[in-house]
Amino acid sequence: MSRSAWKRAAVALAAVVVVTGVSGCEDGDGGTKPAGASAGPGTQTREEATKALRAAHTKTAEAKSAKVEMRVVVSGGQAAGSSTFTGVQGWSPSVADLKVTDSTYLAGIPGAPAETRLVTADGTTYTDVGAGQAAQTGGRRWMRIEAEGVAGGDELLTQLTAGLGVVNQDPARELGLLAGSSAVKHIGTEKLDGAPVQHYGGPLSGGKAMDVWIGTDGYPVRTIVSTRADGSLTKLTTNYTDYGTRAAVQAPPAKDTFGIMELLKSLGQGLGRG
């Protein structure tokens, strides 16, 4: 693979990881209806909505993990694309074991597999580059996605790695932020996949906002979080099931990993060339 192809591959793989954690919301996205939902009028006061969200926050924080299906769509900007992630995600501590499918990022890498695996453990996220790419890295097939060393480097890579601090979303934290919003509202009683849910929405801090659908058991069934920044819009839809699912995730052996910065530096000439 040529130097420029390796660079495109590394940047695209970084994008697969980073966009999963870019969370926020489109301006005033409250009231977004998922497919299969039928909305009723909002009946709860802000105080009642806040109480319900705080209760959901507590239950979610105590659960610590769940099975997830996430769909991220990025439009505009240099990192436009989409991916689907399915598997187990945990928070406090942050861990994940996800299969990546239906990804325009993977599709844009010559020789890349149609699907791959993404693992977060011990504060680091890794993505499996596949056997074909591993042949170019001495048999090491797990690429570490790191923020260190990016500053002052390639502009696109800097943009893509800027969100690594929140690469694994914490739904409990987000629910807490929504409950604390002065503009939170109960949007309505709806049905999601045939089951009754309560739909809430409102802005989060930093210009972000969130919609959440809470089931009769008090747990979030779905969240939609999106953000506008630097000319791009990122929308992250997450479906949750099986709260409390064991999230026993282990990092790949160090001998099987390599860093994205290590890869790009090995190409010579640095990030801004080649």
C-alpha atoms as a PDB file:
ATOM      1  CA  MET A   1       0.000   0.000   0.000  1.00  0.00           C
ATOM      2  CA  SER A   2       1.303   3.452  -0.871  1.00  0.00           C
ATOM      3  CA  ARG A   3       2.135   6.091   1.719  1.00  0.00           C
ATOM      4  CA  SER A   4      -0.893   8.205   0.797  1.00  0.00           C
ATOM      5  CA  ALA A   5      -3.182   5.164   0.927  1.00  0.00           C
ATOM      6  CA  TRP A   6      -1.899   4.299   4.391  1.00  0.00           C
ATOM      7  CA  LYS A   7      -2.581   7.827   5.536  1.00  0.00           C
ATOM      8  CA  ARG A   8      -6.137   7.712   4.182  1.00  0.00           C
ATOM      9  CA  ALA A   9      -6.653   4.361   5.871  1.00  0.00           C
ATOM     10  CA  ALA A  10      -5.369   5.594   9.234  1.00  0.00           C
ATOM     11  CA  VAL A  11      -7.453   8.759   9.135  1.00  0.00           C
ATOM     12  CA  ALA A  12     -10.591   6.886   8.098  1.00  0.00           C
ATOM     13  CA  LEU A  13     -10.124   4.321  10.853  1.00  0.00           C
ATOM     14  CA  ALA A  14      -9.686   7.139  13.353  1.00  0.00           C
ATOM     15  CA  ALA A  15     -12.936   8.603  12.098  1.00  0.00           C
ATOM     16  CA  VAL A  16     -14.755   5.316  12.709  1.00  0.00           C
ATOM     17  CA  VAL A  17     -13.809   5.564  16.370  1.00  0.00           C
ATOM     18  CA  VAL A  18     -14.080   9.264  17.010  1.00  0.00           C
ATOM     19  CA  VAL A  19     -17.488   9.939  15.521  1.00  0.00           C
ATOM     20  CA  THR A  20     -19.079   7.456  17.918  1.00  0.00           C
ATOM     21  CA  GLY A  21     -18.350   9.852  20.739  1.00  0.00           C
ATOM     22  CA  VAL A  22     -19.166  13.186  19.177  1.00  0.00           C
ATOM     23  CA  SER A  23     -22.314  13.992  21.072  1.00  0.00           C
ATOM     24  CA  GLY A  24     -24.412  17.086  21.333  1.00  0.00           C
ATOM     25  CA  CYS A  25     -27.461  18.174  19.461  1.00  0.00           C
ATOM     26  CA  GLU A  26     -28.763  19.959  16.481  1.00  0.00           C
ATOM     27  CA  ASP A  27     -30.304  23.308  17.347  1.00  0.00           C
ATOM     28  CA  GLY A  28     -33.636  22.678  19.034  1.00  0.00           C
ATOM     29  CA  ASP A  29     -33.784  18.988  18.101  1.00  0.00           C
ATOM     30  CA  GLY A  30     -36.329  18.304  20.832  1.00  0.00           C
ATOM     31  CA  GLY A  31     -39.398  16.606  19.431  1.00  0.00           C
ATOM     32  CA  THR A  32     -37.534  14.312  17.030  1.00  0.00           C
ATOM     33  CA  LYS A  33     -39.676  11.247  16.426  1.00  0.00           C
ATOM     34  CA  PRO A  34     -38.080   7.848  15.861  1.00  0.00           C
ATOM     35  CA  ALA A  35     -39.492   5.492  13.273  1.00  0.00           C
ATOM     36  CA  GLY A  36     -42.471   3.614  14.650  1.00  0.00           C
ATOM     37  CA  ALA A  37     -43.305   6.231  17.279  1.00  0.00           C
ATOM     38  CA  SER A  38     -46.627   7.993  17.650  1.00  0.00           C
ATOM     39  CA  ALA A  39     -46.603  11.110  19.770  1.00  0.00           C
ATOM     40  CA  GLY A  40     -49.216  12.264  22.229  1.00  0.00           C
ATOM     41  CA  PRO A  41     -49.418  15.666  23.874  1.00  0.00           C
ATOM     42  CA  GLY A  42     -46.954  16.543  26.620  1.00  0.00           C
ATOM     43  CA  THR A  43     -48.686  16.395  29.973  1.00  0.00           C
ATOM     44  CA  GLN A  44     -45.933  16.611  32.566  1.00  0.00           C
ATOM     45  CA  THR A  45     -44.717  19.844  34.075  1.00  0.00           C
ATOM     46  CA  ARG A  46     -41.024  20.713  33.944  1.00  0.00           C
ATOM     47  CA  GLU A  47     -40.706  19.671  37.585  1.00  0.00           C
ATOM     48  CA  GLU A  48     -42.289  16.303  36.836  1.00  0.00           C
ATOM     49  CA  ALA A  49     -40.059  15.838  33.799  1.00  0.00           C
ATOM     50  CA  THR A  50     -36.989  16.673  35.875  1.00  0.00           C
ATOM     51  CA  LYS A  51     -37.996  14.150  38.527  1.00  0.00           C
ATOM     52  CA  ALA A  52     -38.488  11.398  35.930  1.00  0.00           C
ATOM     53  CA  LEU A  53     -35.137  12.116  34.326  1.00  0.00           C
ATOM     54  CA  ARG A  54     -33.333  12.128  37.661  1.00  0.00           C
ATOM     55  CA  ALA A  55     -34.848   8.731  38.458  1.00  0.00           C
ATOM     56  CA  ALA A  56     -33.716   7.413  35.053  1.00  0.00           C
ATOM     57  CA  HIS A  57     -30.251   8.877  35.681  1.00  0.00           C
ATOM     58  CA  THR A  58     -29.974   6.983  38.974  1.00  0.00           C
ATOM     59  CA  LYS A  59     -31.120   3.663  37.480  1.00  0.00           C
ATOM     60  CA  THR A  60     -28.810   4.012  34.478  1.00  0.00           C
ATOM     61  CA  ALA A  61     -25.814   4.934  36.637  1.00  0.00           C
ATOM     62  CA  GLU A  62     -26.408   1.895  38.847  1.00  0.00           C
ATOM     63  CA  ALA A  63     -26.772  -0.444  35.839  1.00  0.00           C
ATOM     64  CA  LYS A  64     -23.282   0.544  34.589  1.00  0.00           C
ATOM     65  CA  SER A  65     -23.718  -1.209  31.223  1.00  0.00           C
ATOM     66  CA  ALA A  66     -26.149  -2.270  28.503  1.00  0.00           C
ATOM     67  CA  LYS A  67     -26.384  -3.791  25.063  1.00  0.00           C
ATOM     68  CA  VAL A  68     -26.410  -1.044  22.458  1.00  0.00           C
ATOM     69  CA  GLU A  69     -27.103  -0.428  18.815  1.00  0.00           C
ATOM     70  CA  MET A  70     -25.754   2.942  17.678  1.00  0.00           C
ATOM     71  CA  ARG A  71     -26.054   4.689  14.348  1.00  0.00           C
ATOM     72  CA  VAL A  72     -23.916   7.754  13.758  1.00  0.00           C
ATOM     73  CA  VAL A  73     -24.385  10.046  10.770  1.00  0.00           C
ATOM     74  CA  VAL A  74     -22.007  12.944  10.133  1.00  0.00           C
ATOM     75  CA  SER A  75     -22.920  15.464   7.450  1.00  0.00           C
ATOM     76  CA  GLY A  76     -20.792  18.360   6.289  1.00  0.00           C
ATOM     77  CA  GLY A  77     -17.170  18.988   7.222  1.00  0.00           C
ATOM     78  CA  GLN A  78     -14.206  16.762   6.410  1.00  0.00           C
ATOM     79  CA  ALA A  79     -15.383  13.739   8.414  1.00  0.00           C
ATOM     80  CA  ALA A  80     -18.776  13.207   6.725  1.00  0.00           C
ATOM     81  CA  GLY A  81     -19.963   9.611   6.753  1.00  0.00           C
ATOM     82  CA  SER A  82     -21.881   7.048   8.768  1.00  0.00           C
ATOM     83  CA  SER A  83     -21.410   3.817  10.736  1.00  0.00           C
ATOM     84  CA  THR A  84     -23.412   1.348  12.814  1.00  0.00           C
ATOM     85  CA  PHE A  85     -22.097  -0.086  16.103  1.00  0.00           C
ATOM     86  CA  THR A  86     -23.612  -3.042  17.977  1.00  0.00           C
ATOM     87  CA  GLY A  87     -22.453  -4.793  21.123  1.00  0.00           C
ATOM     88  CA  VAL A  88     -21.939  -4.050  24.807  1.00  0.00           C
ATOM     89  CA  GLN A  89     -21.033  -0.706  26.314  1.00  0.00           C
ATOM     90  CA  GLY A  90     -20.222   0.127  29.916  1.00  0.00           C
ATOM     91  CA  TRP A  91     -19.742   3.363  31.829  1.00  0.00           C
ATOM     92  CA  SER A  92     -17.992   4.046  35.143  1.00  0.00           C
ATOM     93  CA  PRO A  93     -15.523   2.778  33.994  1.00  0.00           C
ATOM     94  CA  SER A  94     -15.822   3.333  30.266  1.00  0.00           C
ATOM     95  CA  VAL A  95     -15.569   0.075  28.284  1.00  0.00           C
ATOM     96  CA  ALA A  96     -16.949  -1.158  24.980  1.00  0.00           C
ATOM     97  CA  ASP A  97     -16.878  -4.174  22.685  1.00  0.00           C
ATOM     98  CA  LEU A  98     -18.614  -3.213  19.447  1.00  0.00           C
ATOM     99  CA  LYS A  99     -18.968  -4.578  15.944  1.00  0.00           C
ATOM    100  CA  VAL A 100     -18.696  -1.879  13.273  1.00  0.00           C
ATOM    101  CA  THR A 101     -20.839  -2.416  10.173  1.00  0.00           C
ATOM    102  CA  ASP A 102     -22.455  -0.468   7.354  1.00  0.00           C
ATOM    103  CA  SER A 103     -19.619   2.051   7.523  1.00  0.00           C
ATOM    104  CA  THR A 104     -18.806   4.519   4.776  1.00  0.00           C
ATOM    105  CA  TYR A 105     -15.448   5.019   6.512  1.00  0.00           C
ATOM    106  CA  LEU A 106     -14.493   1.363   6.104  1.00  0.00           C
ATOM    107  CA  ALA A 107     -15.846   1.348   2.570  1.00  0.00           C
ATOM    108  CA  GLY A 108     -13.444   4.165   1.726  1.00  0.00           C
ATOM    109  CA  ILE A 109     -10.322   2.182   2.711  1.00  0.00           C
ATOM    110  CA  PRO A 110      -8.807   0.013  -0.052  1.00  0.00           C
ATOM    111  CA  GLY A 111      -8.646  -3.598   1.121  1.00  0.00           C
ATOM    112  CA  ALA A 112     -10.433  -2.929   4.418  1.00  0.00           C
ATOM    113  CA  PRO A 113     -12.930  -5.510   5.738  1.00  0.00           C
ATOM    114  CA  ALA A 114     -16.645  -4.845   5.368  1.00  0.00           C
ATOM    115  CA  GLU A 115     -16.955  -4.911   9.146  1.00  0.00           C
ATOM    116  CA  THR A 116     -14.557  -4.662  12.043  1.00  0.00           C
ATOM    117  CA  ARG A 117     -14.389  -4.641  15.826  1.00  0.00           C
ATOM    118  CA  LEU A 118     -13.839  -1.755  18.207  1.00  0.00           C
ATOM    119  CA  VAL A 119     -12.717  -2.260  21.813  1.00  0.00           C
ATOM    120  CA  THR A 120     -12.312   0.265  24.628  1.00  0.00           C
ATOM    121  CA  ALA A 121     -10.549  -0.833  27.812  1.00  0.00           C
ATOM    122  CA  ASP A 122      -8.225   0.722  30.387  1.00  0.00           C
ATOM    123  CA  GLY A 123      -8.815   4.199  28.974  1.00  0.00           C
ATOM    124  CA  THR A 124      -7.756   3.351  25.410  1.00  0.00           C
ATOM    125  CA  THR A 125      -9.745   2.556  22.272  1.00  0.00           C
ATOM    126  CA  TYR A 126      -8.549   0.057  19.673  1.00  0.00           C
ATOM    127  CA  THR A 127      -9.851  -0.894  16.252  1.00  0.00           C
ATOM    128  CA  ASP A 128      -9.106  -4.101  14.352  1.00  0.00           C
ATOM    129  CA  VAL A 129      -7.603  -3.157  10.976  1.00  0.00           C
ATOM    130  CA  GLY A 130      -7.984  -6.670   9.592  1.00  0.00           C
ATOM    131  CA  ALA A 131      -5.522  -9.296   8.409  1.00  0.00           C
ATOM    132  CA  GLY A 132      -4.868  -7.518   5.121  1.00  0.00           C
ATOM    133  CA  GLN A 133      -3.747  -4.301   6.775  1.00  0.00           C
ATOM    134  CA  ALA A 134      -1.859  -6.198   9.497  1.00  0.00           C
ATOM    135  CA  ALA A 135       0.483  -7.502   6.839  1.00  0.00           C
ATOM    136  CA  GLN A 136       1.751  -3.936   6.564  1.00  0.00           C
ATOM    137  CA  THR A 137       2.348  -3.557  10.303  1.00  0.00           C
ATOM    138  CA  GLY A 138       4.368  -6.630  11.160  1.00  0.00           C
ATOM    139  CA  GLY A 139       1.288  -8.691  11.951  1.00  0.00           C
ATOM    140  CA  ARG A 140      -0.094  -6.236  14.482  1.00  0.00           C
ATOM    141  CA  ARG A 141      -3.776  -5.735  13.714  1.00  0.00           C
ATOM    142  CA  TRP A 142      -5.064  -3.559  16.595  1.00  0.00           C
ATOM    143  CA  MET A 143      -4.609   0.173  16.069  1.00  0.00           C
ATOM    144  CA  ARG A 144      -4.700   2.395  19.148  1.00  0.00           C
ATOM    145  CA  ILE A 145      -6.644   5.611  18.643  1.00  0.00           C
ATOM    146  CA  GLU A 146      -4.787   8.220  20.637  1.00  0.00           C
ATOM    147  CA  ALA A 147      -5.102  11.974  21.035  1.00  0.00           C
ATOM    148  CA  GLU A 148      -1.479  12.453  22.110  1.00  0.00           C
ATOM    149  CA  GLY A 149       0.842  13.975  19.599  1.00  0.00           C
ATOM    150  CA  VAL A 150      -1.873  15.238  17.277  1.00  0.00           C
ATOM    151  CA  ALA A 151      -1.614  18.938  18.078  1.00  0.00           C
ATOM    152  CA  GLY A 152       0.186  20.794  15.319  1.00  0.00           C
ATOM    153  CA  GLY A 153      -0.134  17.849  12.942  1.00  0.00           C
ATOM    154  CA  ASP A 154      -2.482  17.028  10.104  1.00  0.00           C
ATOM    155  CA  GLU A 155      -5.592  19.234  10.211  1.00  0.00           C
ATOM    156  CA  LEU A 156      -8.023  16.435   9.386  1.00  0.00           C
ATOM    157  CA  LEU A 157      -6.489  14.046  11.889  1.00  0.00           C
ATOM    158  CA  THR A 158      -6.593  16.766  14.541  1.00  0.00           C
ATOM    159  CA  GLN A 159     -10.296  17.298  13.838  1.00  0.00           C
ATOM    160  CA  LEU A 160     -11.066  13.593  13.980  1.00  0.00           C
ATOM    161  CA  THR A 161      -9.231  12.945  17.239  1.00  0.00           C
ATOM    162  CA  ALA A 162     -10.531  16.030  19.035  1.00  0.00           C
ATOM    163  CA  GLY A 163     -13.458  14.093  20.498  1.00  0.00           C
ATOM    164  CA  LEU A 164     -11.522  11.244  22.051  1.00  0.00           C
ATOM    165  CA  GLY A 165     -12.309  12.432  25.560  1.00  0.00           C
ATOM    166  CA  VAL A 166     -15.926  11.365  25.032  1.00  0.00           C
ATOM    167  CA  VAL A 167     -15.424   8.495  22.608  1.00  0.00           C
ATOM    168  CA  ASN A 168     -17.584   6.305  24.826  1.00  0.00           C
ATOM    169  CA  GLN A 169     -20.709   8.142  25.805  1.00  0.00           C
ATOM    170  CA  ASP A 170     -22.015   7.960  29.363  1.00  0.00           C
ATOM    171  CA  PRO A 171     -25.829   7.895  29.179  1.00  0.00           C
ATOM    172  CA  ALA A 172     -26.159   8.401  32.916  1.00  0.00           C
ATOM    173  CA  ARG A 173     -24.131  11.600  32.746  1.00  0.00           C
ATOM    174  CA  GLU A 174     -26.148  12.853  29.787  1.00  0.00           C
ATOM    175  CA  LEU A 175     -29.419  12.154  31.599  1.00  0.00           C
ATOM    176  CA  GLY A 176     -28.116  14.099  34.574  1.00  0.00           C
ATOM    177  CA  LEU A 177     -27.287  17.059  32.340  1.00  0.00           C
ATOM    178  CA  LEU A 178     -30.710  16.930  30.711  1.00  0.00           C
ATOM    179  CA  ALA A 179     -32.434  16.764  34.111  1.00  0.00           C
ATOM    180  CA  GLY A 180     -30.522  19.890  35.122  1.00  0.00           C
ATOM    181  CA  SER A 181     -31.545  21.851  32.043  1.00  0.00           C
ATOM    182  CA  SER A 182     -33.868  24.762  32.696  1.00  0.00           C
ATOM    183  CA  ALA A 183     -35.526  24.112  29.325  1.00  0.00           C
ATOM    184  CA  VAL A 184     -36.177  20.380  29.658  1.00  0.00           C
ATOM    185  CA  LYS A 185     -39.688  19.352  28.651  1.00  0.00           C
ATOM    186  CA  HIS A 186     -41.964  16.351  28.422  1.00  0.00           C
ATOM    187  CA  ILE A 187     -42.685  16.041  24.724  1.00  0.00           C
ATOM    188  CA  GLY A 188     -45.331  13.360  24.965  1.00  0.00           C
ATOM    189  CA  THR A 189     -46.462   9.815  25.615  1.00  0.00           C
ATOM    190  CA  GLU A 190     -45.525   7.677  22.615  1.00  0.00           C
ATOM    191  CA  LYS A 191     -45.133   4.103  21.465  1.00  0.00           C
ATOM    192  CA  LEU A 192     -41.748   2.809  20.409  1.00  0.00           C
ATOM    193  CA  ASP A 193     -41.723  -0.623  18.783  1.00  0.00           C
ATOM    194  CA  GLY A 194     -45.218  -1.113  20.182  1.00  0.00           C
ATOM    195  CA  ALA A 195     -44.301  -0.347  23.793  1.00  0.00           C
ATOM    196  CA  PRO A 196     -45.322   2.820  25.676  1.00  0.00           C
ATOM    197  CA  VAL A 197     -42.538   5.329  26.347  1.00  0.00           C
ATOM    198  CA  GLN A 198     -42.218   8.848  27.698  1.00  0.00           C
ATOM    199  CA  HIS A 199     -40.377  11.264  25.415  1.00  0.00           C
ATOM    200  CA  TYR A 200     -38.311  14.085  26.928  1.00  0.00           C
ATOM    201  CA  GLY A 201     -36.001  16.590  25.330  1.00  0.00           C
ATOM    202  CA  GLY A 202     -34.050  19.760  25.873  1.00  0.00           C
ATOM    203  CA  PRO A 203     -30.655  21.447  25.598  1.00  0.00           C
ATOM    204  CA  LEU A 204     -27.553  20.250  27.373  1.00  0.00           C
ATOM    205  CA  SER A 205     -24.559  22.380  28.298  1.00  0.00           C
ATOM    206  CA  GLY A 206     -22.323  23.867  25.633  1.00  0.00           C
ATOM    207  CA  GLY A 207     -25.013  24.306  23.039  1.00  0.00           C
ATOM    208  CA  LYS A 208     -25.908  20.629  23.001  1.00  0.00           C
ATOM    209  CA  ALA A 209     -29.320  18.996  23.311  1.00  0.00           C
ATOM    210  CA  MET A 210     -30.787  15.540  23.697  1.00  0.00           C
ATOM    211  CA  ASP A 211     -33.970  13.535  23.177  1.00  0.00           C
ATOM    212  CA  VAL A 212     -34.639  10.449  25.301  1.00  0.00           C
ATOM    213  CA  TRP A 213     -37.410   7.865  25.352  1.00  0.00           C
ATOM    214  CA  ILE A 214     -37.901   6.206  28.765  1.00  0.00           C
ATOM    215  CA  GLY A 215     -39.730   2.904  29.132  1.00  0.00           C
ATOM    216  CA  THR A 216     -42.173   1.811  31.822  1.00  0.00           C
ATOM    217  CA  ASP A 217     -39.272   0.251  33.764  1.00  0.00           C
ATOM    218  CA  GLY A 218     -37.641   3.670  34.117  1.00  0.00           C
ATOM    219  CA  TYR A 219     -34.669   2.969  31.831  1.00  0.00           C
ATOM    220  CA  PRO A 220     -33.888   4.864  28.622  1.00  0.00           C
ATOM    221  CA  VAL A 221     -34.914   2.889  25.537  1.00  0.00           C
ATOM    222  CA  ARG A 222     -33.480   5.295  22.973  1.00  0.00           C
ATOM    223  CA  THR A 223     -31.501   8.521  22.895  1.00  0.00           C
ATOM    224  CA  ILE A 224     -30.779  10.892  20.053  1.00  0.00           C
ATOM    225  CA  VAL A 225     -27.864  13.240  20.580  1.00  0.00           C
ATOM    226  CA  SER A 226     -26.376  15.454  17.875  1.00  0.00           C
ATOM    227  CA  THR A 227     -24.235  18.539  17.454  1.00  0.00           C
ATOM    228  CA  ARG A 228     -23.365  21.280  15.013  1.00  0.00           C
ATOM    229  CA  ALA A 229     -19.712  22.290  15.057  1.00  0.00           C
ATOM    230  CA  ASP A 230     -17.213  23.603  12.531  1.00  0.00           C
ATOM    231  CA  GLY A 231     -19.596  23.235   9.627  1.00  0.00           C
ATOM    232  CA  SER A 232     -20.636  19.642  10.377  1.00  0.00           C
ATOM    233  CA  LEU A 233     -23.674  18.020  11.967  1.00  0.00           C
ATOM    234  CA  THR A 234     -23.295  14.768  13.907  1.00  0.00           C
ATOM    235  CA  LYS A 235     -26.359  12.794  14.913  1.00  0.00           C
ATOM    236  CA  LEU A 236     -25.999   9.774  17.190  1.00  0.00           C
ATOM    237  CA  THR A 237     -28.993   7.488  17.750  1.00  0.00           C
ATOM    238  CA  THR A 238     -28.591   4.785  20.428  1.00  0.00           C
ATOM    239  CA  ASN A 239     -30.992   1.978  21.302  1.00  0.00           C
ATOM    240  CA  TYR A 240     -30.470   0.352  24.728  1.00  0.00           C
ATOM    241  CA  THR A 241     -31.477  -3.129  25.934  1.00  0.00           C
ATOM    242  CA  ASP A 242     -30.462  -5.551  28.687  1.00  0.00           C
ATOM    243  CA  TYR A 243     -29.195  -3.064  31.244  1.00  0.00           C
ATOM    244  CA  GLY A 244     -26.618  -4.548  33.576  1.00  0.00           C
ATOM    245  CA  THR A 245     -25.224  -6.897  30.921  1.00  0.00           C
ATOM    246  CA  ARG A 246     -21.730  -7.978  31.930  1.00  0.00           C
ATOM    247  CA  ALA A 247     -19.170  -5.877  30.080  1.00  0.00           C
ATOM    248  CA  ALA A 248     -15.986  -7.904  30.596  1.00  0.00           C
ATOM    249  CA  VAL A 249     -13.762  -6.180  28.037  1.00  0.00           C
ATOM    250  CA  GLN A 250     -10.020  -6.693  27.807  1.00  0.00           C
ATOM    251  CA  ALA A 251      -7.483  -4.703  25.847  1.00  0.00           C
ATOM    252  CA  PRO A 252      -5.618  -6.569  23.100  1.00  0.00           C
ATOM    253  CA  PRO A 253      -2.085  -7.755  24.028  1.00  0.00           C
ATOM    254  CA  ALA A 254       0.410  -4.910  23.680  1.00  0.00           C
ATOM    255  CA  LYS A 255       2.444  -6.914  21.155  1.00  0.00           C
ATOM    256  CA  ASP A 256      -0.562  -6.903  18.808  1.00  0.00           C
ATOM    257  CA  THR A 257      -1.152  -3.137  18.892  1.00  0.00           C
ATOM    258  CA  PHE A 258       0.298  -0.076  17.182  1.00  0.00           C
ATOM    259  CA  GLY A 259      -0.485   3.625  17.491  1.00  0.00           C
ATOM    260  CA  ILE A 260      -1.931   5.761  14.749  1.00  0.00           C
ATOM    261  CA  MET A 261       0.815   8.317  15.320  1.00  0.00           C
ATOM    262  CA  GLU A 262       3.404   5.558  15.174  1.00  0.00           C
ATOM    263  CA  LEU A 263       1.974   4.452  11.851  1.00  0.00           C
ATOM    264  CA  LEU A 264       1.947   7.903  10.339  1.00  0.00           C
ATOM    265  CA  LYS A 265       5.438   8.741  11.605  1.00  0.00           C
ATOM    266  CA  SER A 266       6.742   5.526  10.102  1.00  0.00           C
ATOM    267  CA  LEU A 267       5.681   6.767   6.698  1.00  0.00           C
ATOM    268  CA  GLY A 268       8.316   9.496   6.934  1.00  0.00           C
ATOM    269  CA  GLN A 269       7.883  13.176   6.224  1.00  0.00           C
ATOM    270  CA  GLY A 270       5.361  13.602   9.119  1.00  0.00           C
ATOM    271  CA  LEU A 271       1.618  14.145   9.076  1.00  0.00           C
ATOM    272  CA  GLY A 272       1.570  17.173   6.842  1.00  0.00           C
ATOM    273  CA  ARG A 273       3.116  15.414   3.840  1.00  0.00           C
ATOM    274  CA  GLY A 274       2.809  12.291   1.750  1.00  0.00           C
END
